């Protein structure tokens, strides 16, 4: 068996694991309605729904079991893999991490400010003067609310600066690496995926008659394998976060599903 065939065999085995995880995600997502929860819980469910869509989209990019010739689009596959990682981080930060009510409020106010500021910058050229003025005044008020929030002094200087600049998340990747075992190599993996997604030298210069053309070269299959493993890892971690947040409802209803999935977080990773 040549190296390319071996990688493809490993990839097929990984895809089988990924499919099992996505099946569990779809089933649990379809049964999340009617649960009573707080604001962070509602946000967690919205993010979980987004994660479910990303998981389904990831499977649709796989070239197996299709009538047409195999086409290996690593840039798109890496992009959704990175989205899955980002979605997990957002789920933890906005929905499942145990934080004080004051910190939860600050995060929510910052989320509102970021959303409104982005919407304003998208639409401001088409706004009527009265709407423009009203929106601008609202953003100023929201910015002052952040500056005067009682939890702001408890953040370190970098986090404070992120809040005052309107970042949607004030925690760093280093924070997630330290806090969450699943994120132990977050910066390294995120950097690789970003280089595959964006038109950066690593992505451009690797393209030749074999690589980067959707042909399923050894290098492209290896990147597909890495992305599949990372997606399976973070999708599994997503399910465990949902179990922990809604342990009295979904956690009990799907107890065996969660127990089945939990080992998939670390399988194949040191």
Protein backbone atom coordinates (compact mmCIF):
# COMPACT_ATOMS: atom_id res chain seq x y z
CA UNK A 1 0.00 0.00 0.00
CA UNK A 2 1.52 3.35 -1.03
CA UNK A 3 1.47 6.38 1.27
CA UNK A 4 -1.45 8.04 -0.52
CA UNK A 5 -3.58 4.88 -0.21
CA UNK A 6 -2.72 4.60 3.49
CA UNK A 7 -3.73 8.22 4.15
CA UNK A 8 -6.98 7.67 2.25
CA UNK A 9 -7.70 4.55 4.34
CA UNK A 10 -7.07 6.52 7.56
CA UNK A 11 -9.24 9.34 6.23
CA UNK A 12 -12.14 7.00 5.49
CA UNK A 13 -11.93 5.63 9.04
CA UNK A 14 -11.94 9.17 10.43
CA UNK A 15 -14.90 10.14 8.28
CA UNK A 16 -16.84 7.20 9.69
CA UNK A 17 -16.24 8.60 13.19
CA UNK A 18 -17.19 12.10 12.04
CA UNK A 19 -20.46 10.85 10.56
CA UNK A 20 -21.35 9.24 13.89
CA UNK A 21 -20.75 12.52 15.71
CA UNK A 22 -22.77 14.53 13.18
CA UNK A 23 -25.66 12.06 13.46
CA UNK A 24 -25.75 12.59 17.23
CA UNK A 25 -25.56 16.38 16.81
CA UNK A 26 -28.46 16.41 14.35
CA UNK A 27 -30.64 14.25 16.57
CA UNK A 28 -29.96 16.29 19.73
CA UNK A 29 -30.38 19.57 17.86
CA UNK A 30 -33.81 18.47 16.62
CA UNK A 31 -34.85 17.74 20.21
CA UNK A 32 -33.65 20.92 21.91
CA UNK A 33 -36.98 22.77 21.74
CA UNK A 34 -39.05 23.59 24.81
CA UNK A 35 -36.19 23.69 27.30
CA UNK A 36 -36.47 26.42 29.93
CA UNK A 37 -33.20 28.25 30.39
CA UNK A 38 -31.58 31.64 30.97
CA UNK A 39 -30.18 34.11 28.44
CA UNK A 40 -26.83 32.35 28.19
CA UNK A 41 -28.64 29.06 27.71
CA UNK A 42 -30.69 30.52 24.87
CA UNK A 43 -27.53 31.83 23.26
CA UNK A 44 -25.88 28.44 23.68
CA UNK A 45 -28.74 26.80 21.80
CA UNK A 46 -28.52 29.32 18.96
CA UNK A 47 -24.78 28.68 18.65
CA UNK A 48 -25.40 24.92 18.81
CA UNK A 49 -27.85 25.26 15.91
CA UNK A 50 -25.17 27.10 13.93
CA UNK A 51 -22.70 24.35 14.79
CA UNK A 52 -25.15 21.73 13.54
CA UNK A 53 -25.40 23.48 10.17
CA UNK A 54 -21.61 23.67 9.88
CA UNK A 55 -21.31 19.96 10.65
CA UNK A 56 -23.80 19.05 7.94
CA UNK A 57 -22.09 21.35 5.44
CA UNK A 58 -18.73 19.77 6.21
CA UNK A 59 -20.04 16.32 5.26
CA UNK A 60 -21.47 17.66 2.01
CA UNK A 61 -17.97 18.77 0.94
CA UNK A 62 -16.63 15.23 1.14
CA UNK A 63 -16.25 13.71 -2.35
CA UNK A 64 -17.20 10.16 -1.43
CA UNK A 65 -20.53 8.60 -2.41
CA UNK A 66 -21.18 11.10 -5.20
CA UNK A 67 -21.90 10.42 -8.84
CA UNK A 68 -19.36 12.89 -10.14
CA UNK A 69 -15.58 12.49 -10.01
CA UNK A 70 -13.87 13.05 -6.68
CA UNK A 71 -13.07 16.70 -6.00
CA UNK A 72 -10.98 17.58 -2.97
CA UNK A 73 -11.56 21.24 -2.07
CA UNK A 74 -9.23 21.63 0.90
CA UNK A 75 -9.66 25.41 1.22
CA UNK A 76 -13.43 25.16 1.70
CA UNK A 77 -13.07 22.12 3.95
CA UNK A 78 -10.51 23.91 6.12
CA UNK A 79 -12.76 26.98 6.25
CA UNK A 80 -15.68 25.04 7.73
CA UNK A 81 -13.32 23.24 10.10
CA UNK A 82 -12.13 26.60 11.37
CA UNK A 83 -15.76 27.75 11.69
CA UNK A 84 -16.47 24.67 13.82
CA UNK A 85 -13.59 25.56 16.15
CA UNK A 86 -14.77 29.18 16.38
CA UNK A 87 -18.31 28.02 17.08
CA UNK A 88 -17.11 25.85 19.95
CA UNK A 89 -15.19 28.79 21.46
CA UNK A 90 -18.26 31.01 21.15
CA UNK A 91 -20.46 28.33 22.71
CA UNK A 92 -18.18 28.15 25.73
CA UNK A 93 -17.62 31.89 26.05
CA UNK A 94 -21.22 33.06 25.50
CA UNK A 95 -23.16 30.07 26.75
CA UNK A 96 -21.63 27.35 28.90
CA UNK A 97 -18.71 28.76 30.90
CA UNK A 98 -19.57 29.33 34.57
CA UNK A 99 -19.16 33.06 35.14
CA UNK A 100 -20.68 35.57 37.56
CA UNK A 101 -23.84 37.43 36.64
CA UNK A 102 -21.81 40.64 36.38
CA UNK A 103 -19.32 39.19 33.93
CA UNK A 104 -22.10 37.53 31.94
CA UNK A 105 -23.80 40.93 31.68
CA UNK A 106 -20.59 42.60 30.47
CA UNK A 107 -20.15 39.93 27.80
CA UNK A 108 -23.74 40.42 26.69
CA UNK A 109 -23.42 44.21 26.53
CA UNK A 110 -20.21 43.85 24.52
CA UNK A 111 -21.93 41.41 22.17
CA UNK A 112 -24.77 43.91 21.66
CA UNK A 113 -22.34 46.76 21.01
CA UNK A 114 -20.32 44.73 18.51
CA UNK A 115 -23.47 43.59 16.68
CA UNK A 116 -24.95 47.09 16.50
CA UNK A 117 -21.66 48.67 15.49
CA UNK A 118 -21.18 46.16 12.67
CA UNK A 119 -24.76 46.65 11.48
CA UNK A 120 -24.30 50.42 11.58
CA UNK A 121 -21.14 50.26 9.46
CA UNK A 122 -22.85 47.98 6.94
CA UNK A 123 -25.93 50.18 6.56
CA UNK A 124 -24.83 53.75 7.34
CA UNK A 125 -24.42 54.81 3.69
CA UNK A 126 -28.08 54.02 3.03
CA UNK A 127 -29.55 55.43 6.25
CA UNK A 128 -31.76 58.46 6.44
CA UNK A 129 -30.18 61.31 8.48
CA UNK A 130 -32.58 60.81 11.38
CA UNK A 131 -31.92 57.07 11.54
CA UNK A 132 -28.17 57.67 11.26
CA UNK A 133 -28.22 60.13 14.16
CA UNK A 134 -30.35 57.85 16.34
CA UNK A 135 -28.11 54.84 15.65
CA UNK A 136 -24.95 56.83 16.34
CA UNK A 137 -26.32 58.12 19.64
CA UNK A 138 -27.25 54.60 20.64
CA UNK A 139 -23.73 53.35 19.98
CA UNK A 140 -22.25 56.15 22.08
CA UNK A 141 -24.55 55.19 24.96
CA UNK A 142 -23.61 51.53 24.63
CA UNK A 143 -19.91 52.40 24.60
CA UNK A 144 -20.33 54.42 27.81
CA UNK A 145 -22.19 51.50 29.38
CA UNK A 146 -19.16 49.32 28.69
CA UNK A 147 -16.71 51.91 30.07
CA UNK A 148 -18.68 52.20 33.31
CA UNK A 149 -19.51 48.55 33.81
CA UNK A 150 -18.67 47.32 37.35
CA UNK A 151 -16.91 44.19 36.10
CA UNK A 152 -14.52 46.02 33.75
CA UNK A 153 -11.90 46.76 36.48
CA UNK A 154 -11.55 43.02 37.12
CA UNK A 155 -10.19 42.40 33.62
CA UNK A 156 -6.51 42.63 32.77
CA UNK A 157 -5.27 45.48 30.59
CA UNK A 158 -5.44 43.54 27.30
CA UNK A 159 -8.98 42.40 28.03
CA UNK A 160 -10.07 45.93 28.98
CA UNK A 161 -8.65 47.28 25.72
CA UNK A 162 -10.56 44.67 23.75
CA UNK A 163 -13.79 45.65 25.48
CA UNK A 164 -13.24 49.37 24.83
CA UNK A 165 -12.35 48.71 21.19
CA UNK A 166 -15.55 46.72 20.72
CA UNK A 167 -14.13 43.22 20.19
CA UNK A 168 -16.87 40.61 20.40
CA UNK A 169 -14.72 38.39 22.69
CA UNK A 170 -12.16 39.77 25.11
CA UNK A 171 -10.55 36.43 25.98
CA UNK A 172 -7.46 35.34 24.03
CA UNK A 173 -6.65 32.00 22.38
CA UNK A 174 -4.07 31.54 25.17
CA UNK A 175 -6.94 31.68 27.68
CA UNK A 176 -8.83 28.90 25.91
CA UNK A 177 -5.65 26.80 25.61
CA UNK A 178 -5.11 27.08 29.37
CA UNK A 179 -8.74 26.64 30.41
CA UNK A 180 -9.88 23.84 28.10
CA UNK A 181 -8.07 20.57 27.41
CA UNK A 182 -9.67 20.31 23.98
CA UNK A 183 -7.98 23.61 23.04
CA UNK A 184 -4.45 22.63 24.11
CA UNK A 185 -3.07 23.22 20.58
CA UNK A 186 -5.60 25.85 19.51
CA UNK A 187 -3.18 28.49 18.23
CA UNK A 188 -1.19 25.99 16.17
CA UNK A 189 -4.26 24.39 14.60
CA UNK A 190 -6.00 27.71 13.99
CA UNK A 191 -2.91 29.07 12.26
CA UNK A 192 -2.68 26.06 9.94
CA UNK A 193 -6.36 26.30 9.01
CA UNK A 194 -6.12 30.06 8.41
CA UNK A 195 -3.18 29.54 6.05
CA UNK A 196 -5.20 26.99 4.09
CA UNK A 197 -8.28 29.22 3.98
CA UNK A 198 -6.76 32.57 3.06
CA UNK A 199 -4.74 33.47 -0.03
CA UNK A 200 -1.52 33.46 1.95
CA UNK A 201 1.87 32.27 0.65
CA UNK A 202 1.56 28.84 2.29
CA UNK A 203 -1.71 28.28 0.44
CA UNK A 204 -0.68 29.82 -2.89
CA UNK A 205 2.84 28.46 -3.24
CA UNK A 206 1.82 24.86 -2.56
CA UNK A 207 -0.29 24.80 -5.72
CA UNK A 208 1.31 22.90 -8.61
CA UNK A 209 0.30 20.24 -11.13
CA UNK A 210 -0.60 17.88 -8.29
CA UNK A 211 -1.38 19.80 -5.11
CA UNK A 212 -4.16 22.32 -4.59
CA UNK A 213 -6.13 21.31 -7.69
CA UNK A 214 -8.79 19.14 -6.08
CA UNK A 215 -7.16 15.95 -7.38
CA UNK A 216 -6.71 14.19 -4.05
CA UNK A 217 -2.93 14.34 -3.87
CA UNK A 218 -1.09 12.88 -0.89
CA UNK A 219 -0.62 16.34 0.63
CA UNK A 220 -4.26 17.34 0.11
CA UNK A 221 -5.52 14.04 1.57
CA UNK A 222 -3.29 14.59 4.60
CA UNK A 223 -4.79 18.06 5.14
CA UNK A 224 -8.27 16.55 4.77
CA UNK A 225 -7.34 14.00 7.44
CA UNK A 226 -6.17 16.74 9.83
CA UNK A 227 -9.33 18.79 9.25
CA UNK A 228 -11.58 15.77 9.72
CA UNK A 229 -9.91 14.88 13.02
CA UNK A 230 -10.12 18.47 14.27
CA UNK A 231 -13.78 18.76 13.26
CA UNK A 232 -14.64 15.49 14.98
CA UNK A 233 -12.77 16.63 18.09
CA UNK A 234 -14.49 20.03 18.41
CA UNK A 235 -17.93 18.76 17.41
CA UNK A 236 -17.66 16.10 20.12
CA UNK A 237 -16.56 18.74 22.62
CA UNK A 238 -19.55 20.84 21.57
CA UNK A 239 -21.91 18.01 22.48
CA UNK A 240 -20.30 17.58 25.90
CA UNK A 241 -20.66 21.32 26.59
CA UNK A 242 -24.36 21.04 25.71
CA UNK A 243 -24.69 18.06 28.03
CA UNK A 244 -23.04 19.95 30.87
CA UNK A 245 -25.19 23.04 30.36
CA UNK A 246 -28.47 21.14 30.07
CA UNK A 247 -27.67 18.13 32.23
CA UNK A 248 -31.16 17.89 33.75
CA UNK A 249 -32.88 17.79 30.35
CA UNK A 250 -30.81 16.86 27.31
CA UNK A 251 -28.13 15.32 29.51
CA UNK A 252 -30.59 12.79 30.92
CA UNK A 253 -32.53 12.24 27.69
CA UNK A 254 -29.42 11.49 25.63
CA UNK A 255 -27.18 10.11 28.38
CA UNK A 256 -25.95 7.12 26.35
CA UNK A 257 -25.31 9.25 23.25
CA UNK A 258 -23.13 11.65 25.24
CA UNK A 259 -21.23 8.76 26.86
CA UNK A 260 -20.62 7.27 23.41
CA UNK A 261 -19.30 10.56 22.00
CA UNK A 262 -17.09 11.76 24.86
CA UNK A 263 -14.04 9.57 23.99
CA UNK A 264 -14.07 11.05 20.47
CA UNK A 265 -12.69 14.32 21.87
CA UNK A 266 -9.26 12.86 22.55
CA UNK A 267 -9.13 9.88 20.16
CA UNK A 268 -6.04 10.21 17.94
CA UNK A 269 -4.67 13.22 19.84
CA UNK A 270 -1.84 13.20 22.38
